[in-house]
């Protein structure tokens, strides 16, 4: 087991998401903590921190939590395809907004 486990509040501070968001991610199975303290508090290891970084990055593209869960559950090649499609959608949106702005 990893020597350094982070509390939910420490992970929230580190990642910029709220404690409530981390609780929600646990509830839906998107980011389940590695361990729990004797008092039942969530504890996260480095692999959890890395997974959360991916979740945060995918959310920034507008990807839904369901789609993020699907992407994180796939192999690298399939994941890359999902990300390419998300980039295409963002490019389309940017072009639409640019056209609207020009009106």
Protein backbone atom coordinates (compact mmCIF):
# COMPACT_ATOMS: atom_id res chain seq x y z
CA UNK A 1 0.00 0.00 0.00
CA UNK A 2 1.09 3.54 -0.73
CA UNK A 3 2.70 5.30 2.23
CA UNK A 4 0.88 8.58 1.57
CA UNK A 5 -2.89 8.56 1.46
CA UNK A 6 -4.71 11.85 1.00
CA UNK A 7 -7.89 12.82 2.79
CA UNK A 8 -10.88 14.00 0.79
CA UNK A 9 -10.26 17.60 1.87
CA UNK A 10 -6.58 17.39 0.91
CA UNK A 11 -7.47 15.97 -2.51
CA UNK A 12 -10.12 18.65 -3.00
CA UNK A 13 -7.57 21.39 -2.25
CA UNK A 14 -4.99 19.79 -4.53
CA UNK A 15 -7.35 19.30 -7.47
CA UNK A 16 -9.57 22.36 -7.26
CA UNK A 17 -12.79 20.34 -7.03
CA UNK A 18 -15.10 20.41 -4.04
CA UNK A 19 -15.38 17.78 -1.35
CA UNK A 20 -19.00 17.31 -2.41
CA UNK A 21 -17.85 16.59 -5.97
CA UNK A 22 -15.46 13.93 -4.69
CA UNK A 23 -18.25 12.39 -2.62
CA UNK A 24 -20.46 12.36 -5.73
CA UNK A 25 -17.73 10.72 -7.83
CA UNK A 26 -17.46 8.03 -5.16
CA UNK A 27 -21.23 7.54 -5.03
CA UNK A 28 -21.44 6.99 -8.80
CA UNK A 29 -18.31 4.82 -8.91
CA UNK A 30 -16.26 7.23 -11.02
CA UNK A 31 -13.55 7.77 -8.40
CA UNK A 32 -13.71 5.29 -5.55
CA UNK A 33 -11.13 5.96 -2.84
CA UNK A 34 -8.44 3.36 -2.31
CA UNK A 35 -9.09 3.09 1.41
CA UNK A 36 -11.09 4.39 4.34
CA UNK A 37 -9.89 5.48 7.74
CA UNK A 38 -11.11 3.74 10.88
CA UNK A 39 -13.68 6.51 11.18
CA UNK A 40 -14.88 5.85 7.61
CA UNK A 41 -13.24 8.85 5.94
CA UNK A 42 -12.24 8.47 2.31
CA UNK A 43 -8.50 8.10 1.62
CA UNK A 44 -6.93 8.44 -1.82
CA UNK A 45 -3.60 7.17 -3.13
CA UNK A 46 -1.49 8.45 -6.03
CA UNK A 47 -3.39 6.40 -8.63
CA UNK A 48 -6.61 8.05 -7.42
CA UNK A 49 -4.97 11.47 -7.77
CA UNK A 50 -3.96 10.62 -11.35
CA UNK A 51 -7.46 9.35 -12.19
CA UNK A 52 -8.99 12.55 -10.80
CA UNK A 53 -6.61 14.62 -12.93
CA UNK A 54 -7.94 12.79 -15.98
CA UNK A 55 -11.54 13.30 -14.88
CA UNK A 56 -10.95 17.03 -14.38
CA UNK A 57 -9.29 17.32 -17.80
CA UNK A 58 -12.14 15.49 -19.55
CA UNK A 59 -14.76 17.57 -17.72
CA UNK A 60 -13.02 20.70 -18.97
CA UNK A 61 -13.79 19.54 -22.53
CA UNK A 62 -17.49 19.32 -21.68
CA UNK A 63 -17.54 15.53 -21.54
CA UNK A 64 -20.31 14.03 -19.39
CA UNK A 65 -19.47 11.97 -16.32
CA UNK A 66 -21.01 8.91 -18.00
CA UNK A 67 -18.78 9.38 -21.04
CA UNK A 68 -15.75 9.95 -18.83
CA UNK A 69 -16.45 6.70 -17.00
CA UNK A 70 -16.70 4.91 -20.34
CA UNK A 71 -13.49 6.46 -21.64
CA UNK A 72 -11.55 5.64 -18.47
CA UNK A 73 -12.76 2.04 -18.69
CA UNK A 74 -11.39 1.54 -22.22
CA UNK A 75 -7.94 0.82 -23.55
CA UNK A 76 -5.64 3.53 -24.82
CA UNK A 77 -6.56 3.30 -28.51
CA UNK A 78 -10.31 3.51 -27.87
CA UNK A 79 -9.70 6.30 -25.36
CA UNK A 80 -7.74 8.26 -27.96
CA UNK A 81 -10.64 7.92 -30.38
CA UNK A 82 -13.07 9.31 -27.82
CA UNK A 83 -10.76 12.23 -27.15
CA UNK A 84 -10.33 12.96 -30.86
CA UNK A 85 -14.12 13.08 -31.21
CA UNK A 86 -14.40 15.41 -28.22
CA UNK A 87 -11.80 17.71 -29.79
CA UNK A 88 -13.80 17.70 -33.04
CA UNK A 89 -16.92 18.70 -31.11
CA UNK A 90 -15.05 21.50 -29.37
CA UNK A 91 -13.68 22.74 -32.71
CA UNK A 92 -17.20 22.73 -34.18
CA UNK A 93 -18.48 24.67 -31.19
CA UNK A 94 -15.65 27.19 -31.45
CA UNK A 95 -16.41 27.72 -35.15
CA UNK A 96 -20.13 28.17 -34.42
CA UNK A 97 -19.39 30.72 -31.69
CA UNK A 98 -16.98 32.57 -33.98
CA UNK A 99 -19.67 32.79 -36.68
CA UNK A 100 -22.24 33.98 -34.13
CA UNK A 101 -19.84 36.58 -32.83
CA UNK A 102 -19.34 37.92 -36.35
CA UNK A 103 -23.06 38.62 -36.70
